[in-house]
Amino acid sequence: MASNNTEKNPVKELGSKMQEIFEDFFGECIDNDGVLRARLNNMGVVNATVIVDVMLEGGISEDAPYGVLHFHNTLAQDIPEEALANLLISLNGVNHIINAGAFPGFGCFCYYEPLNQVYLSYRMPVNLNNIEAEYDNIRYYLGTLYEQLDVFVDFIIFAASNPEGMDITDYMDYLDEVADLNDYQERLKAYEDLLTKVMEENDIETEDGDQ
């Protein structure tokens, strides 16, 4: 008896659907041997570029095979060695904010030493036997991901490039200040004021050599 070739392959279906969903949210993306990648440009007031990757994994252990989408987002790289100590403190602060504090989110920000990068990682379990029901969850996560990256990329970029770092409390106060500001220039001015405050508190020289 001939095999039924019309049976759906949930893994292939998910891969095709994920590319469609990615393009809906982020525009153009590429498929590199099963890993989807998109570049998010002009993130935050610093106009940073964030690289978003996602791939389907078999599960978190061999004893419990279950579809898992792994989202890996690279925010900063080539971290100066002198900034690393305060960067790790800053990452701990922002992780507290998104996991137990005032800005709930998904995943954790981490520093990856072999590639000298800061990334945000999140693993989402997906039921491949009921994949249609998972698409709304994926879309919801990607919507929150975009906001989470846009909100915290300024904090991460500054912490990754300045040995003195930035206090997460000051940054959260800044977010409260700009919450109702839709004008980009006003948000940029508020961010520059925050940087000036941090530099003055830590006695960091400005570009003009003033203190």
Protein backbone atom coordinates (compact mmCIF):
# COMPACT_ATOMS: atom_id res chain seq x y z
CA MET A 1 0.00 0.00 0.00
CA ALA A 2 1.37 3.39 -0.93
CA SER A 3 2.28 5.71 1.96
CA ASN A 4 0.20 8.80 2.58
CA ASN A 5 2.40 11.69 1.43
CA THR A 6 -0.27 14.28 2.15
CA GLU A 7 0.26 14.05 5.91
CA LYS A 8 1.46 17.34 7.34
CA ASN A 9 5.00 17.67 8.63
CA PRO A 10 4.69 19.96 11.69
CA VAL A 11 8.41 20.82 11.73
CA LYS A 12 8.40 22.00 8.11
CA GLU A 13 5.09 23.79 8.67
CA LEU A 14 6.52 25.61 11.69
CA GLY A 15 9.66 26.61 9.80
CA SER A 16 7.64 28.06 6.93
CA LYS A 17 5.21 29.82 9.25
CA MET A 18 8.01 31.23 11.43
CA GLN A 19 9.60 32.89 8.41
CA GLU A 20 6.25 34.45 7.51
CA ILE A 21 5.72 35.67 11.09
CA PHE A 22 9.29 37.00 11.31
CA GLU A 23 8.85 38.99 8.12
CA ASP A 24 5.55 40.40 9.38
CA PHE A 25 7.28 41.74 12.51
CA PHE A 26 10.82 42.51 11.38
CA GLY A 27 10.83 42.75 7.61
CA GLU A 28 13.42 40.83 5.61
CA CYS A 29 14.97 37.76 7.23
CA ILE A 30 17.29 35.00 6.06
CA ASP A 31 17.23 31.25 6.66
CA ASN A 32 20.71 29.91 7.40
CA ASP A 33 20.42 26.13 7.65
CA GLY A 34 17.32 26.25 9.83
CA VAL A 35 18.25 29.39 11.78
CA LEU A 36 16.13 32.43 10.94
CA ARG A 37 17.86 35.79 11.32
CA ALA A 38 16.55 39.34 11.16
CA ARG A 39 18.28 42.66 11.80
CA LEU A 40 16.40 45.28 13.78
CA ASN A 41 17.78 48.72 12.97
CA ASN A 42 17.33 52.07 14.72
CA MET A 43 16.48 50.54 18.09
CA GLY A 44 16.28 52.89 21.07
CA VAL A 45 17.41 56.49 20.97
CA VAL A 46 20.96 55.33 20.21
CA ASN A 47 19.76 53.78 16.91
CA ALA A 48 21.36 50.45 17.70
CA THR A 49 21.17 47.33 15.55
CA VAL A 50 19.95 44.14 17.22
CA ILE A 51 20.36 40.73 15.57
CA VAL A 52 17.43 38.38 16.23
CA ASP A 53 17.94 34.63 15.66
CA VAL A 54 15.47 31.79 16.19
CA MET A 55 15.78 28.05 15.70
CA LEU A 56 13.75 24.97 16.59
CA GLU A 57 15.39 22.68 19.13
CA GLY A 58 14.37 19.15 20.08
CA GLY A 59 13.82 19.94 23.75
CA ILE A 60 15.74 20.73 26.90
CA SER A 61 16.73 17.10 27.51
CA GLU A 62 16.77 13.76 25.69
CA ASP A 63 14.43 12.32 28.33
CA ALA A 64 11.81 14.98 27.63
CA PRO A 65 11.70 15.59 23.86
CA TYR A 66 9.42 18.53 23.11
CA GLY A 67 9.61 21.25 20.50
CA VAL A 68 11.41 24.37 21.73
CA LEU A 69 11.88 27.64 19.85
CA HIS A 70 15.12 29.27 20.94
CA PHE A 71 15.21 33.05 20.47
CA HIS A 72 18.69 34.55 20.70
CA ASN A 73 19.11 38.32 20.35
CA THR A 74 22.53 39.98 20.14
CA LEU A 75 22.60 43.58 21.40
CA ALA A 76 26.28 44.47 21.85
CA GLN A 77 29.71 43.07 21.10
CA ASP A 78 33.42 43.88 21.45
CA ILE A 79 32.90 44.87 25.09
CA PRO A 80 35.93 46.76 26.51
CA GLU A 81 37.57 44.75 29.28
CA GLU A 82 37.47 47.72 31.64
CA ALA A 83 33.66 47.94 31.26
CA LEU A 84 32.97 44.28 31.97
CA ALA A 85 32.68 44.38 35.78
CA ASN A 86 30.05 47.11 35.80
CA LEU A 87 28.34 45.59 32.75
CA LEU A 88 27.67 42.37 34.67
CA ILE A 89 26.19 44.39 37.55
CA SER A 90 24.02 46.29 35.06
CA LEU A 91 22.79 43.07 33.43
CA ASN A 92 21.83 41.70 36.83
CA GLY A 93 19.88 44.89 37.50
CA VAL A 94 17.92 44.78 34.24
CA ASN A 95 17.21 41.06 34.67
CA HIS A 96 15.69 41.83 38.06
CA ILE A 97 13.48 44.48 36.46
CA ILE A 98 12.10 42.14 33.78
CA ASN A 99 11.80 39.02 35.96
CA ALA A 100 10.65 40.39 39.29
CA GLY A 101 10.36 44.14 38.95
CA ALA A 102 8.41 46.91 37.30
CA PHE A 103 8.87 45.90 33.64
CA PRO A 104 7.90 42.22 33.26
CA GLY A 105 9.31 40.45 30.23
CA PHE A 106 10.66 37.16 28.91
CA GLY A 107 14.16 35.70 29.07
CA CYS A 108 17.40 37.05 30.53
CA PHE A 109 20.18 39.35 29.38
CA CYS A 110 23.59 37.66 29.54
CA TYR A 111 27.23 38.19 28.68
CA TYR A 112 28.82 35.51 26.45
CA GLU A 113 32.56 35.58 27.06
CA PRO A 114 33.82 33.50 24.07
CA LEU A 115 32.32 36.02 21.60
CA ASN A 116 32.44 39.04 23.92
CA GLN A 117 28.75 39.75 23.37
CA VAL A 118 25.64 40.77 25.28
CA TYR A 119 22.53 38.86 24.33
CA LEU A 120 18.92 38.26 25.38
CA SER A 121 17.86 34.61 25.28
CA TYR A 122 14.49 32.92 25.68
CA ARG A 123 13.33 29.34 25.04
CA MET A 124 9.63 28.84 24.27
CA PRO A 125 8.13 25.32 24.35
CA VAL A 126 5.85 24.59 21.38
CA ASN A 127 3.46 21.68 20.95
CA LEU A 128 4.21 20.34 17.47
CA ASN A 129 1.08 18.20 17.63
CA ASN A 130 -1.09 21.29 17.97
CA ILE A 131 1.02 23.82 16.15
CA GLU A 132 -1.79 26.07 14.94
CA ALA A 133 -2.61 26.97 18.53
CA GLU A 134 1.00 28.03 19.14
CA TYR A 135 1.14 30.77 16.51
CA ASP A 136 -0.74 33.31 18.64
CA ASN A 137 1.74 32.67 21.49
CA ILE A 138 4.67 33.21 19.12
CA ARG A 139 3.20 36.46 17.80
CA TYR A 140 2.51 37.69 21.31
CA TYR A 141 6.09 36.98 22.37
CA LEU A 142 7.59 38.72 19.33
CA GLY A 143 5.47 41.78 20.04
CA THR A 144 6.75 41.96 23.61
CA LEU A 145 10.29 41.18 22.42
CA TYR A 146 10.39 44.20 20.13
CA GLU A 147 9.27 46.49 22.95
CA GLN A 148 11.68 44.91 25.43
CA LEU A 149 14.65 45.35 23.11
CA ASP A 150 13.68 48.91 22.17
CA VAL A 151 13.29 49.90 25.83
CA PHE A 152 16.50 48.41 27.21
CA VAL A 153 18.96 48.62 24.32
CA ASP A 154 20.01 52.15 25.36
CA PHE A 155 20.83 50.93 28.88
CA ILE A 156 22.75 47.91 27.54
CA ILE A 157 24.76 49.90 24.97
CA PHE A 158 25.83 52.48 27.55
CA ALA A 159 26.71 49.83 30.13
CA ALA A 160 28.70 47.88 27.53
CA SER A 161 30.82 50.86 26.55
CA ASN A 162 31.41 52.70 29.84
CA PRO A 163 33.51 51.38 32.74
CA GLU A 164 31.37 53.25 35.29
CA GLY A 165 28.12 51.74 34.06
CA MET A 166 24.68 53.13 34.80
CA ASP A 167 22.41 52.53 37.77
CA ILE A 168 19.23 50.70 36.77
CA THR A 169 17.22 52.90 39.15
CA ASP A 170 18.29 56.03 37.28
CA TYR A 171 17.40 54.37 33.99
CA MET A 172 13.93 53.35 35.21
CA ASP A 173 13.35 56.95 36.34
CA TYR A 174 14.32 58.03 32.82
CA LEU A 175 11.81 55.56 31.33
CA ASP A 176 9.08 57.03 33.53
CA GLU A 177 10.07 60.50 32.36
CA VAL A 178 9.84 59.68 28.65
CA ALA A 179 6.82 57.35 28.84
CA ASP A 180 4.51 60.02 27.42
CA LEU A 181 7.03 61.57 25.02
CA ASN A 182 6.35 60.64 21.41
CA ASP A 183 8.81 63.13 19.94
CA TYR A 184 12.16 61.45 19.19
CA GLN A 185 14.19 64.61 19.83
CA GLU A 186 12.62 65.05 23.26
CA ARG A 187 13.41 61.43 24.16
CA LEU A 188 16.97 61.88 22.90
CA LYS A 189 17.39 65.05 24.98
CA ALA A 190 16.16 63.22 28.11
CA TYR A 191 18.62 60.38 27.43
CA GLU A 192 21.50 62.81 26.91
CA ASP A 193 20.59 64.50 30.21
CA LEU A 194 20.75 61.11 31.92
CA LEU A 195 24.19 60.40 30.43
CA THR A 196 25.43 63.80 31.57
CA LYS A 197 24.20 63.07 35.09
CA VAL A 198 25.95 59.68 35.14
CA MET A 199 29.20 61.16 33.84
CA GLU A 200 29.16 64.00 36.36
CA GLU A 201 28.43 61.63 39.25
CA ASN A 202 31.36 59.42 38.21
CA ASP A 203 33.67 62.31 37.32
CA ILE A 204 33.99 61.17 33.69
CA GLU A 205 35.54 63.60 31.23
CA THR A 206 33.34 64.85 28.42
CA GLU A 207 34.43 64.86 24.76
CA ASP A 208 35.58 68.46 25.21
CA GLY A 209 37.82 67.46 28.09
CA ASP A 210 35.64 69.12 30.77
CA GLN A 211 34.74 67.41 34.00
